[in-house]
Protein backbone atom coordinates (compact mmCIF):
# COMPACT_ATOMS: atom_id res chain seq x y z
CA UNK A 1 -175.57 223.95 199.82
CA UNK A 2 -172.22 224.29 201.22
CA UNK A 3 -171.49 226.97 197.92
CA UNK A 4 -174.35 229.35 198.64
CA UNK A 5 -172.92 232.15 200.53
CA UNK A 6 -170.06 232.01 197.58
CA UNK A 7 -172.83 231.85 194.83
CA UNK A 8 -175.08 234.68 196.48
CA UNK A 9 -171.87 236.89 197.08
CA UNK A 10 -170.81 235.81 193.00
CA UNK A 11 -174.42 237.04 192.35
CA UNK A 12 -174.97 239.98 194.66
CA UNK A 13 -175.62 242.75 192.16
CA UNK A 14 -177.14 240.91 189.52
CA UNK A 15 -179.75 239.40 191.86
CA UNK A 16 -180.43 242.79 193.75
CA UNK A 17 -181.13 244.55 190.34
CA UNK A 18 -183.94 242.05 189.50
CA UNK A 19 -185.66 242.92 192.38
CA UNK A 20 -185.37 246.82 191.75
CA UNK A 21 -186.80 245.90 188.28
CA UNK A 22 -190.02 244.53 189.86
CA UNK A 23 -190.44 246.86 192.10
CA UNK A 24 -190.19 249.65 189.28
CA UNK A 25 -193.88 248.11 187.99
CA UNK A 26 -196.57 250.07 190.34
CA UNK A 27 -198.72 246.81 190.59
CA UNK A 28 -201.31 248.86 192.69
CA UNK A 29 -204.25 246.18 192.48
CA UNK A 30 -206.53 248.58 194.81
CA UNK A 31 -206.62 251.10 192.07
CA UNK A 32 -207.91 250.34 188.36
CA UNK A 33 -205.52 252.86 186.95
CA UNK A 34 -202.78 250.58 187.63
CA UNK A 35 -204.52 247.27 186.19
CA UNK A 36 -202.48 247.25 183.09
CA UNK A 37 -198.91 247.15 185.33
CA UNK A 38 -200.43 244.40 187.63
CA UNK A 39 -200.76 242.18 184.19
CA UNK A 40 -197.56 242.80 183.05
CA UNK A 41 -195.83 241.78 186.96
CA UNK A 42 -197.51 238.59 186.38
CA UNK A 43 -195.62 238.28 182.92
CA UNK A 44 -192.69 239.44 184.72
CA UNK A 45 -192.95 236.80 187.41
CA UNK A 46 -193.78 233.83 184.88
CA UNK A 47 -190.38 234.90 182.73
CA UNK A 48 -188.33 235.05 186.29
CA UNK A 49 -189.82 231.74 187.09
CA UNK A 50 -189.14 229.97 183.59
CA UNK A 51 -185.48 231.80 183.21
CA UNK A 52 -184.81 230.26 186.91
CA UNK A 53 -185.64 226.84 186.50
CA UNK A 54 -189.56 225.33 185.95
CA UNK A 55 -190.52 223.11 183.72
CA UNK A 56 -193.79 224.17 183.40
CA UNK A 57 -194.83 228.16 184.31
CA UNK A 58 -198.77 229.29 183.22
CA UNK A 59 -200.83 232.45 184.09
CA UNK A 60 -203.79 231.27 185.24
CA UNK A 61 -206.76 233.54 184.06
CA UNK A 62 -209.15 234.75 186.98
CA UNK A 63 -212.38 237.11 187.12
CA UNK A 64 -209.58 239.53 188.56
CA UNK A 65 -206.02 239.47 188.15
CA UNK A 66 -203.64 236.53 187.34
CA UNK A 67 -202.63 234.18 189.07
CA UNK A 68 -198.93 232.80 187.72
CA UNK A 69 -198.74 229.14 188.56
CA UNK A 70 -195.16 227.01 188.02
CA UNK A 71 -193.78 223.99 189.19
CA UNK A 72 -190.20 221.97 188.86
CA UNK A 73 -191.17 217.85 189.65
CA UNK A 74 -188.15 215.77 189.94
CA UNK A 75 -189.80 212.56 191.42
CA UNK A 76 -193.18 212.29 192.00
CA UNK A 77 -192.18 209.60 195.43
CA UNK A 78 -190.35 212.66 196.60
CA UNK A 79 -192.31 215.54 199.10
CA UNK A 80 -193.18 218.89 197.36
CA UNK A 81 -192.91 222.58 198.45
CA UNK A 82 -195.76 224.37 198.11
CA UNK A 83 -194.53 228.09 197.70
CA UNK A 84 -197.69 231.15 198.20
CA UNK A 85 -196.35 234.59 197.25
CA UNK A 86 -198.33 238.12 196.12
CA UNK A 87 -196.69 240.15 193.54
CA UNK A 88 -199.38 243.21 194.20
CA UNK A 89 -198.90 245.91 196.74
CA UNK A 90 -200.67 248.78 198.51
CA UNK A 91 -201.40 252.15 197.04
CA UNK A 92 -198.29 254.49 197.31
CA UNK A 93 -200.55 257.26 199.13
CA UNK A 94 -199.48 259.64 200.69
CA UNK A 95 -197.03 260.68 198.22
CA UNK A 96 -195.71 264.02 199.70
CA UNK A 97 -194.23 261.50 202.65
CA UNK A 98 -192.10 259.54 200.68
CA UNK A 99 -188.55 260.67 200.70
CA UNK A 100 -187.64 258.76 196.90
CA UNK A 101 -190.70 257.84 194.87
CA UNK A 102 -192.21 254.77 195.63
CA UNK A 103 -191.72 253.13 192.40
CA UNK A 104 -188.18 254.58 191.66
CA UNK A 105 -186.31 251.94 194.28
CA UNK A 106 -183.32 253.35 195.78
CA UNK A 107 -180.74 251.95 198.44
CA UNK A 108 -180.22 253.79 201.18
CA UNK A 109 -177.82 253.41 204.58
CA UNK A 110 -180.15 253.23 207.23
CA UNK A 111 -179.10 252.64 211.47
CA UNK A 112 -180.95 248.92 211.50
CA UNK A 113 -179.42 248.51 207.47
CA UNK A 114 -176.21 249.23 207.15
CA UNK A 115 -175.59 247.54 204.24
CA UNK A 116 -178.57 249.47 202.59
CA UNK A 117 -182.12 248.69 202.41
CA UNK A 118 -184.27 249.08 199.20
CA UNK A 119 -186.71 251.74 199.74
CA UNK A 120 -189.83 251.24 197.35
CA UNK A 121 -193.72 249.82 197.77
CA UNK A 122 -193.79 246.43 197.76
CA UNK A 123 -189.70 245.48 198.49
CA UNK A 124 -190.83 243.95 201.73
CA UNK A 125 -194.74 243.24 201.41
CA UNK A 126 -194.07 241.64 199.06
CA UNK A 127 -192.13 241.39 196.10
CA UNK A 128 -189.02 241.39 198.32
CA UNK A 129 -189.57 238.32 200.19
CA UNK A 130 -191.09 236.49 197.38
CA UNK A 131 -188.41 236.79 195.11
CA UNK A 132 -186.36 235.48 197.76
CA UNK A 133 -187.91 231.83 196.79
CA UNK A 134 -187.34 232.66 192.79
CA UNK A 135 -183.63 233.37 194.09
CA UNK A 136 -183.35 230.40 196.16
CA UNK A 137 -184.92 228.03 193.55
CA UNK A 138 -182.56 229.36 190.78
CA UNK A 139 -179.32 228.38 193.02
CA UNK A 140 -180.59 224.91 193.87
CA UNK A 141 -181.32 224.20 189.91
CA UNK A 142 -178.33 225.44 188.80
CA UNK A 143 -176.34 223.78 191.44
CA UNK A 144 -178.41 220.59 191.17
CA UNK A 145 -178.96 220.43 194.72
CA UNK A 146 -182.74 220.88 194.46
CA UNK A 147 -183.82 218.19 196.83
CA UNK A 148 -187.44 217.42 196.37
CA UNK A 149 -190.58 218.90 194.57
CA UNK A 150 -191.39 222.21 194.33
CA UNK A 151 -194.36 224.59 193.15
CA UNK A 152 -195.13 228.52 192.98
CA UNK A 153 -198.37 229.87 192.89
CA UNK A 154 -198.20 233.62 193.18
CA UNK A 155 -201.35 235.62 193.16
CA UNK A 156 -201.94 239.18 192.07
CA UNK A 157 -204.90 239.98 194.84
CA UNK A 158 -203.77 239.42 197.95
CA UNK A 159 -203.51 243.41 199.14
CA UNK A 160 -207.70 243.45 197.96
CA UNK A 161 -208.85 240.17 199.94
CA UNK A 162 -207.56 237.31 197.28
CA UNK A 163 -211.11 237.72 196.40
CA UNK A 164 -210.65 234.78 193.27
CA UNK A 165 -208.09 232.62 195.26
CA UNK A 166 -210.14 230.97 197.08
CA UNK A 167 -211.75 229.42 193.95
CA UNK A 168 -208.71 228.97 191.77
CA UNK A 169 -207.61 226.74 195.31
CA UNK A 170 -210.89 224.94 195.41
CA UNK A 171 -210.61 224.24 191.65
CA UNK A 172 -207.30 222.90 191.48
CA UNK A 173 -206.33 220.58 194.42
CA UNK A 174 -204.77 218.35 192.74
CA UNK A 175 -202.69 220.41 191.05
CA UNK A 176 -201.97 222.06 193.76
CA UNK A 177 -201.27 219.21 195.94
CA UNK A 178 -198.59 219.49 198.20
CA UNK A 179 -196.59 218.23 201.72
CA UNK A 180 -196.23 221.76 203.41
CA UNK A 181 -196.90 225.29 202.18
CA UNK A 182 -193.69 227.90 202.30
CA UNK A 183 -194.61 231.71 202.66
CA UNK A 184 -192.53 234.50 203.64
CA UNK A 185 -195.14 237.33 203.90
CA UNK A 186 -193.92 238.13 207.89
CA UNK A 187 -191.32 238.99 210.18
CA UNK A 188 -188.89 238.60 212.23
CA UNK A 189 -187.93 239.86 215.84
CA UNK A 190 -184.01 241.04 214.49
CA UNK A 191 -181.59 241.19 212.30
CA UNK A 192 -179.85 239.20 215.24
CA UNK A 193 -182.02 236.69 216.46
CA UNK A 194 -184.95 235.42 214.04
CA UNK A 195 -188.29 234.12 214.66
CA UNK A 196 -191.13 232.35 213.19
CA UNK A 197 -194.32 233.58 212.89
CA UNK A 198 -197.06 230.33 214.64
CA UNK A 199 -200.01 231.78 214.59
CA UNK A 200 -202.04 234.79 212.55
CA UNK A 201 -204.89 236.45 213.08
CA UNK A 202 -208.47 236.71 211.19
CA UNK A 203 -209.76 239.87 209.72
CA UNK A 204 -212.97 241.13 209.09
CA UNK A 205 -212.88 244.99 207.04
CA UNK A 206 -216.05 246.39 206.87
CA UNK A 207 -217.42 250.19 205.31
CA UNK A 208 -220.02 252.14 207.05
CA UNK A 209 -222.29 254.56 205.57
CA UNK A 210 -224.45 257.23 208.09
CA UNK A 211 -226.66 259.31 206.20
CA UNK A 212 -228.72 261.83 207.32
CA UNK A 213 -231.12 264.98 205.68
CA UNK A 214 -231.03 264.24 201.58
CA UNK A 215 -228.55 266.81 201.10
CA UNK A 216 -225.75 269.00 202.32
CA UNK A 217 -227.73 271.71 205.20
CA UNK A 218 -226.24 274.92 205.86
CA UNK A 219 -224.87 275.14 209.54
CA UNK A 220 -226.22 278.17 210.71
CA UNK A 221 -229.98 277.36 209.26
CA UNK A 222 -229.97 273.52 210.33
CA UNK A 223 -227.04 273.25 212.78
CA UNK A 224 -229.22 271.75 216.05
CA UNK A 225 -232.18 271.18 214.08
CA UNK A 226 -231.30 268.41 211.79
CA UNK A 227 -228.81 265.08 212.98
CA UNK A 228 -225.12 265.75 211.78
CA UNK A 229 -223.73 262.21 210.36
CA UNK A 230 -220.35 263.08 211.46
CA UNK A 231 -221.09 263.76 214.83
CA UNK A 232 -223.04 260.82 215.00
CA UNK A 233 -220.11 258.47 213.39
CA UNK A 234 -217.88 259.75 215.29
CA UNK A 235 -220.49 259.10 218.63
CA UNK A 236 -221.10 255.50 217.75
CA UNK A 237 -217.73 254.82 216.37
CA UNK A 238 -216.16 255.73 220.07
CA UNK A 239 -218.63 253.44 221.69
CA UNK A 240 -217.36 250.48 220.61
CA UNK A 241 -215.05 250.49 223.06
CA UNK A 242 -215.59 250.99 226.85
CA UNK A 243 -212.77 252.51 228.96
CA UNK A 244 -210.73 248.99 229.25
CA UNK A 245 -210.27 249.61 225.57
CA UNK A 246 -212.31 246.28 225.54
CA UNK A 247 -214.58 246.22 222.44
CA UNK A 248 -218.37 246.48 223.34
CA UNK A 249 -219.84 244.41 220.27
CA UNK A 250 -222.10 241.70 222.25
CA UNK A 251 -220.79 238.55 221.17
CA UNK A 252 -217.59 239.65 220.41
CA UNK A 253 -215.74 237.98 222.57
CA UNK A 254 -217.87 234.50 223.30
CA UNK A 255 -215.11 232.45 221.00
CA UNK A 256 -211.88 234.05 221.82
CA UNK A 257 -209.07 231.42 222.99
CA UNK A 258 -207.72 232.72 225.88
CA UNK A 259 -204.27 231.79 226.00
CA UNK A 260 -202.80 229.61 229.50
CA UNK A 261 -200.10 232.07 231.81
CA UNK A 262 -197.97 229.25 230.71
CA UNK A 263 -198.04 229.99 227.18
CA UNK A 264 -197.96 233.71 227.74
CA UNK A 265 -194.86 233.55 229.85
CA UNK A 266 -193.16 231.65 227.03
CA UNK A 267 -194.55 234.49 224.41
CA UNK A 268 -193.07 237.23 226.97
CA UNK A 269 -189.26 235.76 226.26
CA UNK A 270 -189.05 237.37 222.99
CA UNK A 271 -186.97 240.06 223.14
CA UNK A 272 -189.02 243.51 223.24
CA UNK A 273 -187.93 246.86 224.38
CA UNK A 274 -190.65 249.12 224.97
CA UNK A 275 -188.52 252.47 225.26
CA UNK A 276 -187.49 251.48 221.79
CA UNK A 277 -190.68 250.42 220.49
CA UNK A 278 -192.03 253.92 221.63
CA UNK A 279 -188.93 255.95 220.16
CA UNK A 280 -189.64 254.22 216.99
CA UNK A 281 -192.87 255.53 216.87
CA UNK A 282 -192.44 258.99 218.30
CA UNK A 283 -194.77 258.11 220.96
CA UNK A 284 -195.08 259.06 224.79
CA UNK A 285 -196.59 256.05 225.86
CA UNK A 286 -198.39 252.70 224.44
CA UNK A 287 -201.93 252.51 224.55
CA UNK A 288 -204.33 249.35 223.98
CA UNK A 289 -206.91 247.05 226.13
CA UNK A 290 -206.53 247.14 229.97
CA UNK A 291 -204.36 243.75 231.34
CA UNK A 292 -202.47 242.87 228.51
CA UNK A 293 -198.78 243.53 227.51
CA UNK A 294 -198.09 245.11 224.12
CA UNK A 295 -197.28 242.22 222.17
CA UNK A 296 -199.90 240.36 223.58
CA UNK A 297 -202.18 242.94 221.98
CA UNK A 298 -201.25 243.29 218.51
CA UNK A 299 -201.03 239.33 218.61
CA UNK A 300 -203.35 237.23 220.78
CA UNK A 301 -205.88 239.98 220.88
CA UNK A 302 -208.78 240.40 218.41
CA UNK A 303 -208.84 244.78 217.85
CA UNK A 304 -211.22 246.91 215.84
CA UNK A 305 -209.65 250.07 214.42
CA UNK A 306 -210.81 252.68 212.12
CA UNK A 307 -208.55 252.76 208.85
CA UNK A 308 -210.25 256.16 207.49
CA UNK A 309 -213.11 258.00 208.08
CA UNK A 310 -214.48 260.96 206.11
CA UNK A 311 -217.66 263.30 205.01
CA UNK A 312 -218.17 267.07 204.39
CA UNK A 313 -215.92 269.70 203.81
CA UNK A 314 -212.49 269.22 204.19
CA UNK A 315 -210.99 271.68 201.27
CA UNK A 316 -209.14 274.92 201.95
CA UNK A 317 -210.82 277.92 203.67
CA UNK A 318 -214.14 277.24 205.07
CA UNK A 319 -217.65 276.23 204.16
CA UNK A 320 -219.74 275.76 206.70
CA UNK A 321 -222.09 272.92 205.99
CA UNK A 322 -223.78 269.81 207.26
CA UNK A 323 -222.93 266.77 205.44
CA UNK A 324 -225.40 264.57 204.29
CA UNK A 325 -223.18 261.53 204.80
CA UNK A 326 -220.41 260.30 206.30
CA UNK A 327 -218.34 257.40 206.14
CA UNK A 328 -215.92 254.69 207.37
CA UNK A 329 -213.97 252.16 207.03
CA UNK A 330 -213.16 249.25 209.78
CA UNK A 331 -210.49 246.50 210.28
CA UNK A 332 -211.21 243.91 212.91
CA UNK A 333 -208.19 241.89 213.57
CA UNK A 334 -209.67 238.62 215.24
CA UNK A 335 -207.65 235.40 216.80
CA UNK A 336 -208.42 231.75 215.98
CA UNK A 337 -211.30 230.16 216.70
CA UNK A 338 -213.43 233.86 215.51
CA UNK A 339 -215.08 232.84 212.74
CA UNK A 340 -214.51 236.68 210.35
CA UNK A 341 -218.18 235.89 209.16
CA UNK A 342 -220.20 235.42 212.35
CA UNK A 343 -217.78 238.74 213.32
CA UNK A 344 -219.05 240.69 210.38
CA UNK A 345 -222.88 239.69 211.32
CA UNK A 346 -222.48 240.85 214.79
CA UNK A 347 -220.62 244.45 213.65
CA UNK A 348 -223.35 244.99 211.50
CA UNK A 349 -226.31 244.30 213.58
CA UNK A 350 -224.94 245.97 216.56
CA UNK A 351 -223.46 249.20 214.30
CA UNK A 352 -227.33 249.51 212.94
CA UNK A 353 -228.57 249.18 216.48
CA UNK A 354 -227.15 252.27 218.22
CA UNK A 355 -227.80 254.09 215.53
CA UNK A 356 -229.94 256.73 216.92
CA UNK A 357 -233.39 258.26 214.84
CA UNK A 358 -232.48 261.02 212.21
CA UNK A 359 -230.21 258.90 210.47
CA UNK A 360 -230.25 255.48 208.65
CA UNK A 361 -226.99 253.52 208.54
CA UNK A 362 -225.68 250.67 206.25
CA UNK A 363 -222.73 248.08 206.65
CA UNK A 364 -221.23 247.09 203.86
CA UNK A 365 -218.63 243.86 204.46
CA UNK A 366 -215.52 243.73 202.24
CA UNK A 367 -213.18 240.97 202.84
CA UNK A 368 -212.23 238.95 205.47
CA UNK A 369 -210.17 235.75 206.22
CA UNK A 370 -209.85 233.15 209.38
CA UNK A 371 -206.68 233.30 211.91
CA UNK A 372 -204.43 230.26 211.82
CA UNK A 373 -202.08 228.76 214.25
CA UNK A 374 -199.18 226.33 212.89
CA UNK A 375 -198.18 223.53 215.68
CA UNK A 376 -194.31 223.89 216.20
CA UNK A 377 -193.23 220.20 216.42
CA UNK A 378 -194.15 219.58 212.88
CA UNK A 379 -191.60 218.47 210.80
CA UNK A 380 -191.82 221.81 208.79
CA UNK A 381 -191.41 224.05 211.75
CA UNK A 382 -188.76 221.59 212.90
CA UNK A 383 -186.80 222.13 209.58
CA UNK A 384 -187.24 226.03 209.43
CA UNK A 385 -185.88 226.03 212.58
CA UNK A 386 -182.83 224.34 211.71
CA UNK A 387 -182.52 226.22 208.53
CA UNK A 388 -182.67 229.68 210.59
CA UNK A 389 -180.10 228.19 213.17
CA UNK A 390 -177.89 227.33 210.76
CA UNK A 391 -177.96 230.76 208.92
CA UNK A 392 -178.06 232.91 211.60
CA UNK A 393 -176.20 230.30 214.43
CA UNK A 394 -179.25 231.07 216.96
CA UNK A 395 -182.55 229.55 217.08
CA UNK A 396 -185.74 230.80 215.75
CA UNK A 397 -188.32 231.66 218.48
CA UNK A 398 -192.11 231.21 217.63
CA UNK A 399 -193.94 234.64 217.35
CA UNK A 400 -197.79 235.10 217.01
CA UNK A 401 -198.26 237.70 214.46
CA UNK A 402 -200.99 240.39 214.57
CA UNK A 403 -201.25 240.62 210.74
CA UNK A 404 -203.69 238.54 208.95
CA UNK A 405 -203.15 236.16 205.45
CA UNK A 406 -206.22 234.81 205.72
CA UNK A 407 -205.56 232.56 202.32
CA UNK A 408 -203.59 230.32 205.32
CA UNK A 409 -206.89 229.14 206.77
CA UNK A 410 -208.30 228.61 203.22
CA UNK A 411 -205.23 226.44 202.60
CA UNK A 412 -205.31 224.02 205.51
CA UNK A 413 -208.93 223.40 204.26
CA UNK A 414 -208.75 222.78 200.78
CA UNK A 415 -205.27 221.69 200.42
CA UNK A 416 -205.34 219.62 203.70
CA UNK A 417 -201.23 220.53 204.75
CA UNK A 418 -199.84 222.98 206.60
CA UNK A 419 -198.20 226.32 206.35
CA UNK A 420 -194.69 227.69 207.57
CA UNK A 421 -194.04 231.49 207.78
CA UNK A 422 -190.84 232.17 207.10
CA UNK A 423 -190.72 235.69 207.44
CA UNK A 424 -187.22 238.18 206.88
CA UNK A 425 -188.60 242.18 207.36
CA UNK A 426 -188.84 243.63 210.24
CA UNK A 427 -191.31 245.93 212.14
CA UNK A 428 -189.48 248.91 211.06
CA UNK A 429 -189.56 248.41 207.47
CA UNK A 430 -192.59 250.45 207.18
CA UNK A 431 -194.81 248.10 205.23
CA UNK A 432 -198.20 249.84 204.10
CA UNK A 433 -196.66 253.32 204.79
CA UNK A 434 -194.49 255.50 203.21
CA UNK A 435 -190.59 254.47 203.01
CA UNK A 436 -191.42 250.51 202.68
CA UNK A 437 -187.92 249.36 203.12
CA UNK A 438 -186.39 245.92 202.74
CA UNK A 439 -182.86 245.01 203.69
CA UNK A 440 -180.56 244.14 201.86
CA UNK A 441 -179.14 241.74 204.79
CA UNK A 442 -182.61 240.42 205.17
CA UNK A 443 -182.89 239.58 201.43
CA UNK A 444 -179.79 237.62 200.53
CA UNK A 445 -180.52 235.82 204.07
CA UNK A 446 -183.41 234.47 202.96
CA UNK A 447 -182.06 233.63 199.66
CA UNK A 448 -179.30 231.63 202.02
CA UNK A 449 -181.98 230.43 204.22
CA UNK A 450 -184.70 228.57 201.98
CA UNK A 451 -183.10 226.08 200.13
CA UNK A 452 -182.02 224.62 203.71
CA UNK A 453 -185.92 224.98 204.85
CA UNK A 454 -185.75 221.76 201.91
CA UNK A 455 -182.97 219.95 202.32
CA UNK A 456 -183.81 219.62 206.06
CA UNK A 457 -187.78 218.87 205.14
CA UNK A 458 -186.99 216.62 202.68
CA UNK A 459 -184.46 215.06 205.60
CA UNK A 460 -186.93 215.00 208.32
CA UNK A 461 -189.79 213.44 206.75
CA UNK A 462 -187.92 210.57 205.42
């Protein structure tokens, strides 16, 4: 693997252009308008794996979007690495906030990315990071240095909750058998300081509906005499946090694991500049649960946030109306030991109970998943750290992420193997937001680093 930098440099333009072509396909799994594009993307991934050197690739149909499975088995006695990624992307809305069309990728120079970054929906989450593994595999095949077996499982429903992946994994445990699972769907501290995500928060996602009168009403004739669902929904949501931003749902914190003072001190060693953080977000101050730092609030503490709220008239001009219904989408990020289904039930009971007379409430669970923690004394973690240390010249720092990848806990339950999260994105890459991008440096550095994980994992497994 000594020539990997040369290989990347000689093939740089092709490697970048291949990703750009992939990013042009609007594989938005949440919107049925793009269903054919999502399917087309699965075909694209299948062809990419075949060209890279997989001996066997298939598109596995599900009740939703297909899963692309590929493998290269060089010796059943050698370790097997299972690579997971997803080819679907978030909706691009609001389109008007993009500085360039979300599915017409452009390379732009930024302060963070002086070598350029690819601006497009899915650039970092997760097409760019997933495709690093395809190109790293291609390098190892072409240079005859693949040290172990590899399997790929690339799905098309991660952004809508991986609703069919559970069934696929349960039905294919033998096919997916592995020694370690490798995922790049997270980030790192900076381009100068790599990090390895060792913890993920779980997720409970619900939609609520508050109904008052049986139709929209004139606000002059009925205002003050009937319950206004929008007013009431706003009050109910506001009551879900107390003055210390502590979540008020009974039983919500019962199983929350409190980290020791020593563990919190280790986390605090990660470089973090609160002023730069505020400046990057145009904030005059941070906000959150009392008694915890910003990095703790967004990683080791559970949260509850409204992701969308609507009802009534929102068009141009005025319409004096009391809406019949009001709606909100709410996500709760959970920490290890909190069961997402239990939390969903606690939320449903509480939210229904606090509804005043004059309205009815419905809570519709959408999806969720468990949190996850991977030990830093595992072979997989050690191999990843050795790989980062070699390519960055500095050891990686273990961090816990505020994000959720619900299927990681599922993998451990069904496949009995640990997951290593080797992310190369940055917090500033605007995933799920307008102007999502992925640095050229990060993309190529991932391709350079991943083969070294294979090398060291095999060496440490002997």
